[in-house]
Amino acid sequence: MPDDVFVYTSTSSVLIFEISKLNFHIFCCAIVLLTIVYRLNSLWYNEIVMKLHVKIEQDEAGYYVAEVPALPGCLSQGKTKEEAIANIKEAIEGWLEVMESKQPLDRTHLIEVAV
């Protein structure tokens, strides 16, 4: 059964934490604080901030496989869950760099949409 893992990422950093290990109230406070910090960081450095879900499962060999469903082909693994999370962080950063290099991002055409 996959664990719910949330990823907060910007062009300079990725923060990953597991919901199952946090109490709900602490989780809500953490989300509010992270949102404020990352939005301020975004304003200061003109960065893009996004929230991504990461799916982590253990395979037959015992390795933890991490996948970002919103980023096709963005996969990683590790011998431990912590290693898989660290590796998917690097994979996300690499995926975003490669995609931006293929088609540079025109920040004047960016909008924020909430659903």
Protein backbone atom coordinates (compact mmCIF):
# COMPACT_ATOMS: atom_id res chain seq x y z
CA MET A 1 0.00 0.00 0.00
CA PRO A 2 1.52 3.35 -1.01
CA ASP A 3 2.14 6.04 1.59
CA ASP A 4 0.92 9.59 1.10
CA VAL A 5 3.89 11.86 0.68
CA PHE A 6 3.64 15.54 -0.14
CA VAL A 7 6.36 17.41 -1.96
CA TYR A 8 6.79 21.18 -1.93
CA THR A 9 9.18 22.29 -4.61
CA SER A 10 10.61 25.46 -6.05
CA THR A 11 13.36 25.93 -8.60
CA SER A 12 15.95 25.91 -5.82
CA SER A 13 14.65 23.43 -3.26
CA VAL A 14 12.31 20.50 -2.63
CA LEU A 15 10.80 19.69 0.75
CA ILE A 16 9.21 16.27 1.28
CA PHE A 17 7.35 15.03 4.31
CA GLU A 18 5.10 12.11 5.14
CA ILE A 19 1.55 12.76 6.28
CA SER A 20 1.22 9.47 8.13
CA LYS A 21 3.91 10.47 10.63
CA LEU A 22 2.38 13.83 11.50
CA ASN A 23 -0.58 14.58 13.66
CA PHE A 24 -3.32 16.34 11.66
CA HIS A 25 -3.08 19.66 13.52
CA ILE A 26 0.68 19.78 13.22
CA PHE A 27 0.29 18.93 9.54
CA CYS A 28 -2.12 21.84 9.01
CA CYS A 29 0.22 24.25 10.80
CA ALA A 30 3.17 22.95 8.78
CA ILE A 31 1.25 23.50 5.53
CA VAL A 32 0.38 27.07 6.49
CA LEU A 33 3.97 27.86 7.51
CA LEU A 34 5.45 26.19 4.43
CA THR A 35 3.03 28.06 2.18
CA ILE A 36 3.99 31.39 3.76
CA VAL A 37 7.73 30.66 3.62
CA TYR A 38 7.66 29.41 0.04
CA ARG A 39 5.44 32.23 -1.18
CA LEU A 40 7.80 34.76 0.39
CA ASN A 41 10.73 32.89 -1.11
CA SER A 42 8.95 32.96 -4.45
CA LEU A 43 8.37 36.70 -4.22
CA TRP A 44 11.96 37.39 -3.18
CA TYR A 45 13.57 35.21 -5.81
CA ASN A 46 10.82 35.23 -8.48
CA GLU A 47 10.57 31.45 -8.32
CA ILE A 48 7.79 29.09 -9.23
CA VAL A 49 6.33 27.10 -6.34
CA MET A 50 4.40 23.88 -6.85
CA LYS A 51 3.01 21.03 -4.79
CA LEU A 52 3.47 17.48 -6.08
CA HIS A 53 2.28 14.10 -4.86
CA VAL A 54 4.81 11.28 -4.72
CA LYS A 55 3.71 7.64 -4.74
CA ILE A 56 6.04 5.28 -2.87
CA GLU A 57 5.74 1.50 -2.98
CA GLN A 58 8.01 -1.35 -1.98
CA ASP A 59 8.82 -3.75 -4.83
CA GLU A 60 9.36 -7.53 -4.72
CA ALA A 61 13.11 -7.11 -4.16
CA GLY A 62 12.51 -4.88 -1.12
CA TYR A 63 13.47 -1.59 -2.78
CA TYR A 64 11.28 1.48 -2.37
CA VAL A 65 10.15 2.92 -5.69
CA ALA A 66 9.08 6.57 -5.82
CA GLU A 67 7.06 8.03 -8.69
CA VAL A 68 5.63 11.48 -9.39
CA PRO A 69 2.43 10.83 -11.36
CA ALA A 70 2.20 14.47 -12.50
CA LEU A 71 5.67 14.30 -14.09
CA PRO A 72 5.75 11.50 -16.71
CA GLY A 73 8.88 9.40 -16.38
CA CYS A 74 9.92 10.95 -13.06
CA LEU A 75 10.86 7.85 -11.06
CA SER A 76 13.50 6.88 -8.55
CA GLN A 77 14.21 4.22 -5.95
CA GLY A 78 16.19 3.49 -2.83
CA LYS A 79 17.08 0.69 -0.46
CA THR A 80 15.21 2.55 2.29
CA LYS A 81 12.20 4.83 2.17
CA GLU A 82 14.38 7.77 3.21
CA GLU A 83 16.82 7.06 0.39
CA ALA A 84 13.96 6.82 -2.11
CA ILE A 85 12.63 10.19 -0.93
CA ALA A 86 16.08 11.80 -1.24
CA ASN A 87 16.48 10.29 -4.70
CA ILE A 88 13.06 11.42 -5.94
CA LYS A 89 13.92 14.94 -4.80
CA GLU A 90 16.91 14.90 -7.15
CA ALA A 91 14.81 13.32 -9.89
CA ILE A 92 12.18 16.09 -9.60
CA GLU A 93 14.82 18.80 -9.80
CA GLY A 94 16.42 17.09 -12.81
CA TRP A 95 13.06 16.55 -14.53
CA LEU A 96 12.16 20.22 -14.14
CA GLU A 97 15.57 21.38 -15.39
CA VAL A 98 15.38 19.16 -18.48
CA MET A 99 11.84 20.26 -19.33
CA GLU A 100 12.70 23.92 -18.89
CA SER A 101 15.79 23.54 -21.09
CA LYS A 102 13.62 22.05 -23.85
CA GLN A 103 11.25 24.99 -23.77
CA PRO A 104 12.29 28.00 -21.70
CA LEU A 105 9.62 29.22 -19.32
CA ASP A 106 8.13 32.63 -20.12
CA ARG A 107 7.24 33.93 -16.66
CA THR A 108 5.15 36.76 -18.11
CA HIS A 109 2.54 34.21 -19.17
CA LEU A 110 2.23 32.42 -15.81
CA ILE A 111 -0.98 32.47 -13.81
CA GLU A 112 -1.99 30.68 -10.63
CA VAL A 113 -5.08 28.49 -10.72
CA ALA A 114 -6.67 26.91 -7.63
CA VAL A 115 -8.95 23.89 -7.93
